[in-house]
Amino acid sequence: MGFHRTLPKLTLHSHDLQEFMATGEFVDEQHARCELLYQILTSSNGESGQPTVTSHEKTLVFTNSIASADALFDFLQMEKGMTICSVFHKDVERAQRQHLLRRLDSDTEADKDLIVICTDIAARGLDTTKVCHVIQFEFANDVVSYLHRIGRTGRADTTGAVTSIESIENSLVLDKIREAGASTLENAFSRKRSLRKKFKKARRPSNSNC
């Protein structure tokens, strides 16, 4: 699947993982990353104080491997009790993936808060206008993958949100995006061909699990 012919309407947000880790005690970096994502996905209910999903929007959460997607799914479902989560990657049975795609495109009340944890198979192979929020749990390995991911929201004249968890290991790609002006998106999408050519050498090998 190619890039959008029109520029998506997006709002960009970022969270620094190291700064978040400094605010509490965590087992390791991956544990902190999971807790930060949970914080992004939820907010405190004023009456009960219990964390609840309040965005009422379909969300894609991108990871860089199948193992990471499965581990995050287990964390959110088993440890945090978020039953609205599903997982989407090449190891998921085809019938189940197709069912999930229908749910993403659905307007039913039951699916309004659907959270799909996915690999980059969804960045290029998912065609829906119902995704309101894209979260990079793990930052894209290259600029082109970044553009494909954020292009899953803000489609068909809608406004989408993109939230990225940034860490030191992403510094190369982040620097390239900022140097190219991709953080403002106008340059990123209007110069998509030159971006692909310019960053071809900087691309890292894709994880075979994706």
C-alpha atoms as a PDB file:
ATOM      1  CA  MET A   1       0.000   0.000   0.000  1.00  0.00           C
ATOM      2  CA  GLY A   2       1.327   3.415  -0.932  1.00  0.00           C
ATOM      3  CA  PHE A   3       1.304   6.739   0.831  1.00  0.00           C
ATOM      4  CA  HIS A   4      -1.757   8.965   0.991  1.00  0.00           C
ATOM      5  CA  ARG A   5      -2.437  11.160  -2.002  1.00  0.00           C
ATOM      6  CA  THR A   6      -3.586  13.859   0.383  1.00  0.00           C
ATOM      7  CA  LEU A   7      -1.894  15.027   3.549  1.00  0.00           C
ATOM      8  CA  PRO A   8      -3.374  13.454   6.693  1.00  0.00           C
ATOM      9  CA  LYS A   9      -4.535  15.818   9.420  1.00  0.00           C
ATOM     10  CA  LEU A  10      -2.517  14.783  12.438  1.00  0.00           C
ATOM     11  CA  THR A  11      -1.612  15.993  15.891  1.00  0.00           C
ATOM     12  CA  LEU A  12       1.726  14.692  17.168  1.00  0.00           C
ATOM     13  CA  HIS A  13       2.650  13.877  20.762  1.00  0.00           C
ATOM     14  CA  SER A  14       5.765  12.302  22.247  1.00  0.00           C
ATOM     15  CA  HIS A  15       6.834  10.864  25.600  1.00  0.00           C
ATOM     16  CA  ASP A  16      10.457  10.475  26.652  1.00  0.00           C
ATOM     17  CA  LEU A  17      10.963   7.022  28.164  1.00  0.00           C
ATOM     18  CA  GLN A  18      14.023   8.024  30.201  1.00  0.00           C
ATOM     19  CA  GLU A  19      12.161  10.952  31.751  1.00  0.00           C
ATOM     20  CA  PHE A  20       9.271   8.659  32.648  1.00  0.00           C
ATOM     21  CA  MET A  21      11.628   6.126  34.238  1.00  0.00           C
ATOM     22  CA  ALA A  22      12.989   8.873  36.477  1.00  0.00           C
ATOM     23  CA  THR A  23       9.520   9.364  37.982  1.00  0.00           C
ATOM     24  CA  GLY A  24       9.224   5.920  39.576  1.00  0.00           C
ATOM     25  CA  GLU A  25      10.721   2.543  40.336  1.00  0.00           C
ATOM     26  CA  PHE A  26      10.536   0.037  37.501  1.00  0.00           C
ATOM     27  CA  VAL A  27      11.866  -3.497  37.085  1.00  0.00           C
ATOM     28  CA  ASP A  28      13.513  -2.613  33.782  1.00  0.00           C
ATOM     29  CA  GLU A  29      13.124  -0.391  30.726  1.00  0.00           C
ATOM     30  CA  GLN A  30      10.532  -2.644  29.094  1.00  0.00           C
ATOM     31  CA  HIS A  31       8.414  -2.612  32.243  1.00  0.00           C
ATOM     32  CA  ALA A  32       8.583   1.182  32.272  1.00  0.00           C
ATOM     33  CA  ARG A  33       7.623   1.290  28.596  1.00  0.00           C
ATOM     34  CA  CYS A  34       4.561  -0.882  29.286  1.00  0.00           C
ATOM     35  CA  GLU A  35       3.498   1.264  32.232  1.00  0.00           C
ATOM     36  CA  LEU A  36       3.937   4.434  30.184  1.00  0.00           C
ATOM     37  CA  LEU A  37       1.751   3.015  27.424  1.00  0.00           C
ATOM     38  CA  TYR A  38      -0.895   2.083  29.975  1.00  0.00           C
ATOM     39  CA  GLN A  39      -0.792   5.653  31.260  1.00  0.00           C
ATOM     40  CA  ILE A  40      -1.234   6.955  27.716  1.00  0.00           C
ATOM     41  CA  LEU A  41      -4.189   4.646  27.080  1.00  0.00           C
ATOM     42  CA  THR A  42      -5.981   5.429  30.313  1.00  0.00           C
ATOM     43  CA  SER A  43      -6.895   8.332  32.541  1.00  0.00           C
ATOM     44  CA  SER A  44      -8.202   8.684  36.086  1.00  0.00           C
ATOM     45  CA  ASN A  45     -11.939   8.668  36.591  1.00  0.00           C
ATOM     46  CA  GLY A  46     -12.863  11.634  38.780  1.00  0.00           C
ATOM     47  CA  GLU A  47     -15.358   9.679  40.906  1.00  0.00           C
ATOM     48  CA  SER A  48     -13.762   6.284  41.424  1.00  0.00           C
ATOM     49  CA  GLY A  49     -10.116   7.056  40.773  1.00  0.00           C
ATOM     50  CA  GLN A  50      -9.946   3.893  38.700  1.00  0.00           C
ATOM     51  CA  PRO A  51      -8.138   4.012  35.361  1.00  0.00           C
ATOM     52  CA  THR A  52     -10.565   3.913  32.466  1.00  0.00           C
ATOM     53  CA  VAL A  53     -10.235   4.314  28.731  1.00  0.00           C
ATOM     54  CA  THR A  54     -11.939   7.620  27.990  1.00  0.00           C
ATOM     55  CA  SER A  55     -10.881   8.389  24.430  1.00  0.00           C
ATOM     56  CA  HIS A  56     -13.716   6.427  22.747  1.00  0.00           C
ATOM     57  CA  GLU A  57     -11.553   5.877  19.707  1.00  0.00           C
ATOM     58  CA  LYS A  58      -9.998   2.986  17.856  1.00  0.00           C
ATOM     59  CA  THR A  59      -6.259   2.808  18.466  1.00  0.00           C
ATOM     60  CA  LEU A  60      -3.337   1.042  16.790  1.00  0.00           C
ATOM     61  CA  VAL A  61      -0.304   0.343  18.992  1.00  0.00           C
ATOM     62  CA  PHE A  62       2.811  -0.466  16.954  1.00  0.00           C
ATOM     63  CA  THR A  63       5.597  -2.756  18.141  1.00  0.00           C
ATOM     64  CA  ASN A  64       8.713  -3.865  16.258  1.00  0.00           C
ATOM     65  CA  SER A  65       8.296  -7.624  16.643  1.00  0.00           C
ATOM     66  CA  ILE A  66       5.746 -10.367  17.133  1.00  0.00           C
ATOM     67  CA  ALA A  67       7.280 -11.272  20.494  1.00  0.00           C
ATOM     68  CA  SER A  68       6.903  -7.692  21.709  1.00  0.00           C
ATOM     69  CA  ALA A  69       3.297  -7.492  20.476  1.00  0.00           C
ATOM     70  CA  ASP A  70       2.363 -10.726  22.254  1.00  0.00           C
ATOM     71  CA  ALA A  71       4.100  -9.681  25.480  1.00  0.00           C
ATOM     72  CA  LEU A  72       2.365  -6.295  25.460  1.00  0.00           C
ATOM     73  CA  PHE A  73      -0.993  -7.946  24.773  1.00  0.00           C
ATOM     74  CA  ASP A  74      -0.486 -10.231  27.786  1.00  0.00           C
ATOM     75  CA  PHE A  75       0.529  -7.270  29.959  1.00  0.00           C
ATOM     76  CA  LEU A  76      -2.534  -5.195  29.078  1.00  0.00           C
ATOM     77  CA  GLN A  77      -5.025  -8.064  29.222  1.00  0.00           C
ATOM     78  CA  MET A  78      -3.743 -10.158  32.106  1.00  0.00           C
ATOM     79  CA  GLU A  79      -2.033  -7.594  34.344  1.00  0.00           C
ATOM     80  CA  LYS A  80      -4.170  -4.543  33.603  1.00  0.00           C
ATOM     81  CA  GLY A  81      -7.469  -6.224  32.690  1.00  0.00           C
ATOM     82  CA  MET A  82      -7.909  -4.365  29.407  1.00  0.00           C
ATOM     83  CA  THR A  83     -10.201  -6.785  27.583  1.00  0.00           C
ATOM     84  CA  ILE A  84     -10.710  -4.387  24.674  1.00  0.00           C
ATOM     85  CA  CYS A  85      -7.220  -5.239  23.364  1.00  0.00           C
ATOM     86  CA  SER A  86      -6.519  -7.496  20.390  1.00  0.00           C
ATOM     87  CA  VAL A  87      -3.307  -8.458  18.608  1.00  0.00           C
ATOM     88  CA  PHE A  88      -2.565  -8.349  14.868  1.00  0.00           C
ATOM     89  CA  HIS A  89       0.529  -9.855  13.224  1.00  0.00           C
ATOM     90  CA  LYS A  90       1.440 -12.533  10.686  1.00  0.00           C
ATOM     91  CA  ASP A  91       1.274 -15.374  13.218  1.00  0.00           C
ATOM     92  CA  VAL A  92      -2.369 -14.617  13.969  1.00  0.00           C
ATOM     93  CA  GLU A  93      -4.642 -16.897  11.926  1.00  0.00           C
ATOM     94  CA  ARG A  94      -5.904 -15.328   8.716  1.00  0.00           C
ATOM     95  CA  ALA A  95      -9.578 -15.689   9.677  1.00  0.00           C
ATOM     96  CA  GLN A  96      -8.899 -13.967  12.988  1.00  0.00           C
ATOM     97  CA  ARG A  97      -7.047 -11.119  11.251  1.00  0.00           C
ATOM     98  CA  GLN A  98      -9.930 -10.625   8.827  1.00  0.00           C
ATOM     99  CA  HIS A  99     -12.406 -10.580  11.708  1.00  0.00           C
ATOM    100  CA  LEU A 100     -10.298  -7.957  13.468  1.00  0.00           C
ATOM    101  CA  LEU A 101     -10.191  -5.816  10.320  1.00  0.00           C
ATOM    102  CA  ARG A 102     -13.995  -5.896  10.221  1.00  0.00           C
ATOM    103  CA  ARG A 103     -14.096  -4.822  13.856  1.00  0.00           C
ATOM    104  CA  LEU A 104     -11.752  -1.918  13.112  1.00  0.00           C
ATOM    105  CA  ASP A 105     -14.131  -0.763  10.393  1.00  0.00           C
ATOM    106  CA  SER A 106     -17.207  -1.290  12.552  1.00  0.00           C
ATOM    107  CA  ASP A 107     -19.382   1.425  14.083  1.00  0.00           C
ATOM    108  CA  THR A 108     -20.780  -0.806  16.812  1.00  0.00           C
ATOM    109  CA  GLU A 109     -20.731   0.287  20.442  1.00  0.00           C
ATOM    110  CA  ALA A 110     -18.760  -2.815  21.443  1.00  0.00           C
ATOM    111  CA  ASP A 111     -15.848  -1.889  19.183  1.00  0.00           C
ATOM    112  CA  LYS A 112     -15.696   1.873  19.714  1.00  0.00           C
ATOM    113  CA  ASP A 113     -12.684   1.658  22.073  1.00  0.00           C
ATOM    114  CA  LEU A 114     -10.885  -1.185  20.300  1.00  0.00           C
ATOM    115  CA  ILE A 115      -7.118  -1.259  20.854  1.00  0.00           C
ATOM    116  CA  VAL A 116      -5.091  -3.283  18.357  1.00  0.00           C
ATOM    117  CA  ILE A 117      -1.488  -4.161  19.187  1.00  0.00           C
ATOM    118  CA  CYS A 118       0.276  -4.765  15.900  1.00  0.00           C
ATOM    119  CA  THR A 119       3.512  -5.046  13.952  1.00  0.00           C
ATOM    120  CA  ASP A 120       4.299  -3.225  10.713  1.00  0.00           C
ATOM    121  CA  ILE A 121       2.105  -5.671   8.810  1.00  0.00           C
ATOM    122  CA  ALA A 122      -0.697  -3.262   9.759  1.00  0.00           C
ATOM    123  CA  ALA A 123       1.252  -0.177   8.662  1.00  0.00           C
ATOM    124  CA  ARG A 124       1.007  -1.172   5.001  1.00  0.00           C
ATOM    125  CA  GLY A 125      -1.823  -3.665   4.863  1.00  0.00           C
ATOM    126  CA  LEU A 126      -4.610  -1.971   6.788  1.00  0.00           C
ATOM    127  CA  ASP A 127      -7.147   0.194   4.976  1.00  0.00           C
ATOM    128  CA  THR A 128      -9.710   1.852   7.244  1.00  0.00           C
ATOM    129  CA  THR A 129     -10.795   5.381   8.072  1.00  0.00           C
ATOM    130  CA  LYS A 130     -11.904   4.497  11.609  1.00  0.00           C
ATOM    131  CA  VAL A 131      -8.519   4.587  13.388  1.00  0.00           C
ATOM    132  CA  CYS A 132      -8.306   7.785  15.449  1.00  0.00           C
ATOM    133  CA  HIS A 133      -5.044   7.203  17.297  1.00  0.00           C
ATOM    134  CA  VAL A 134      -1.703   5.614  16.396  1.00  0.00           C
ATOM    135  CA  ILE A 135       0.764   4.901  19.206  1.00  0.00           C
ATOM    136  CA  GLN A 136       4.365   3.894  18.643  1.00  0.00           C
ATOM    137  CA  PHE A 137       5.046   1.675  21.660  1.00  0.00           C
ATOM    138  CA  GLU A 138       8.383   1.000  19.969  1.00  0.00           C
ATOM    139  CA  PHE A 139       9.552   3.663  17.542  1.00  0.00           C
ATOM    140  CA  ALA A 140       9.791   2.763  13.852  1.00  0.00           C
ATOM    141  CA  ASN A 141      13.174   1.462  12.697  1.00  0.00           C
ATOM    142  CA  ASP A 142      13.310   3.835   9.717  1.00  0.00           C
ATOM    143  CA  VAL A 143      11.678   6.948   8.304  1.00  0.00           C
ATOM    144  CA  VAL A 144       9.573   5.187   5.667  1.00  0.00           C
ATOM    145  CA  SER A 145       8.073   2.833   8.260  1.00  0.00           C
ATOM    146  CA  TYR A 146       7.364   5.868  10.445  1.00  0.00           C
ATOM    147  CA  LEU A 147       5.422   7.509   7.619  1.00  0.00           C
ATOM    148  CA  HIS A 148       3.447   4.345   6.885  1.00  0.00           C
ATOM    149  CA  ARG A 149       2.531   3.963  10.552  1.00  0.00           C
ATOM    150  CA  ILE A 150       1.296   7.498  11.077  1.00  0.00           C
ATOM    151  CA  GLY A 151      -0.547   7.278   7.768  1.00  0.00           C
ATOM    152  CA  ARG A 152      -2.994   4.782   9.313  1.00  0.00           C
ATOM    153  CA  THR A 153      -4.877   7.634  10.987  1.00  0.00           C
ATOM    154  CA  GLY A 154      -6.134  11.050   9.922  1.00  0.00           C
ATOM    155  CA  ARG A 155      -7.622   9.583   6.755  1.00  0.00           C
ATOM    156  CA  ALA A 156     -10.610  10.609   4.624  1.00  0.00           C
ATOM    157  CA  ASP A 157     -10.664  14.183   5.910  1.00  0.00           C
ATOM    158  CA  THR A 158     -10.595  13.168   9.572  1.00  0.00           C
ATOM    159  CA  THR A 159      -8.115  14.339  12.201  1.00  0.00           C
ATOM    160  CA  GLY A 160      -5.924  11.718  13.829  1.00  0.00           C
ATOM    161  CA  ALA A 161      -3.496  11.632  16.741  1.00  0.00           C
ATOM    162  CA  VAL A 162      -0.015  10.111  16.801  1.00  0.00           C
ATOM    163  CA  THR A 163       1.760   9.410  20.089  1.00  0.00           C
ATOM    164  CA  SER A 164       5.338   8.128  20.176  1.00  0.00           C
ATOM    165  CA  ILE A 165       7.381   6.710  23.034  1.00  0.00           C
ATOM    166  CA  GLU A 166      10.918   7.933  22.369  1.00  0.00           C
ATOM    167  CA  SER A 167      14.160   6.574  23.793  1.00  0.00           C
ATOM    168  CA  ILE A 168      17.902   6.858  23.240  1.00  0.00           C
ATOM    169  CA  GLU A 169      17.912   3.873  20.880  1.00  0.00           C
ATOM    170  CA  ASN A 170      15.656   5.801  18.485  1.00  0.00           C
ATOM    171  CA  SER A 171      17.975   8.811  18.260  1.00  0.00           C
ATOM    172  CA  LEU A 172      19.235   8.061  14.726  1.00  0.00           C
ATOM    173  CA  VAL A 173      15.777   7.840  13.173  1.00  0.00           C
ATOM    174  CA  LEU A 174      14.483  10.776  15.216  1.00  0.00           C
ATOM    175  CA  ASP A 175      17.393  12.938  14.093  1.00  0.00           C
ATOM    176  CA  LYS A 176      16.761  12.021  10.454  1.00  0.00           C
ATOM    177  CA  ILE A 177      13.063  12.831  10.757  1.00  0.00           C
ATOM    178  CA  ARG A 178      13.755  16.193  12.362  1.00  0.00           C
ATOM    179  CA  GLU A 179      16.477  17.057   9.867  1.00  0.00           C
ATOM    180  CA  ALA A 180      14.045  16.358   7.034  1.00  0.00           C
ATOM    181  CA  GLY A 181      11.281  18.367   8.649  1.00  0.00           C
ATOM    182  CA  ALA A 182       9.133  15.252   8.897  1.00  0.00           C
ATOM    183  CA  SER A 183       7.913  16.216  12.351  1.00  0.00           C
ATOM    184  CA  THR A 184       5.743  18.885  10.720  1.00  0.00           C
ATOM    185  CA  LEU A 185       4.378  16.320   8.214  1.00  0.00           C
ATOM    186  CA  GLU A 186       4.014  18.788   5.349  1.00  0.00           C
ATOM    187  CA  ASN A 187       7.543  17.993   4.194  1.00  0.00           C
ATOM    188  CA  ALA A 188       7.257  14.319   5.021  1.00  0.00           C
ATOM    189  CA  PHE A 189       4.257  13.633   2.820  1.00  0.00           C
ATOM    190  CA  SER A 190       4.824  16.121   0.003  1.00  0.00           C
ATOM    191  CA  ARG A 191       8.401  14.840  -0.402  1.00  0.00           C
ATOM    192  CA  LYS A 192       7.647  11.156   0.112  1.00  0.00           C
ATOM    193  CA  ARG A 193       9.612   9.982  -2.925  1.00  0.00           C
ATOM    194  CA  SER A 194      12.725  11.940  -2.018  1.00  0.00           C
ATOM    195  CA  LEU A 195      12.429  10.797   1.595  1.00  0.00           C
ATOM    196  CA  ARG A 196      12.348   7.174   0.550  1.00  0.00           C
ATOM    197  CA  LYS A 197      15.427   7.624  -1.617  1.00  0.00           C
ATOM    198  CA  LYS A 198      17.273   9.812   0.867  1.00  0.00           C
ATOM    199  CA  PHE A 199      16.886   7.409   3.771  1.00  0.00           C
ATOM    200  CA  LYS A 200      17.276   4.142   1.889  1.00  0.00           C
ATOM    201  CA  LYS A 201      20.863   3.794   3.105  1.00  0.00           C
ATOM    202  CA  ALA A 202      19.872   4.600   6.679  1.00  0.00           C
ATOM    203  CA  ARG A 203      17.224   1.900   6.858  1.00  0.00           C
ATOM    204  CA  ARG A 204      17.810  -0.826   9.385  1.00  0.00           C
ATOM    205  CA  PRO A 205      16.960  -4.433   8.566  1.00  0.00           C
ATOM    206  CA  SER A 206      13.339  -5.216   9.351  1.00  0.00           C
ATOM    207  CA  ASN A 207      12.726  -7.691  12.150  1.00  0.00           C
ATOM    208  CA  SER A 208      11.869 -11.037  10.571  1.00  0.00           C
ATOM    209  CA  ASN A 209       9.136 -11.511  13.170  1.00  0.00           C
ATOM    210  CA  CYS A 210       7.100  -8.560  11.927  1.00  0.00           C
END
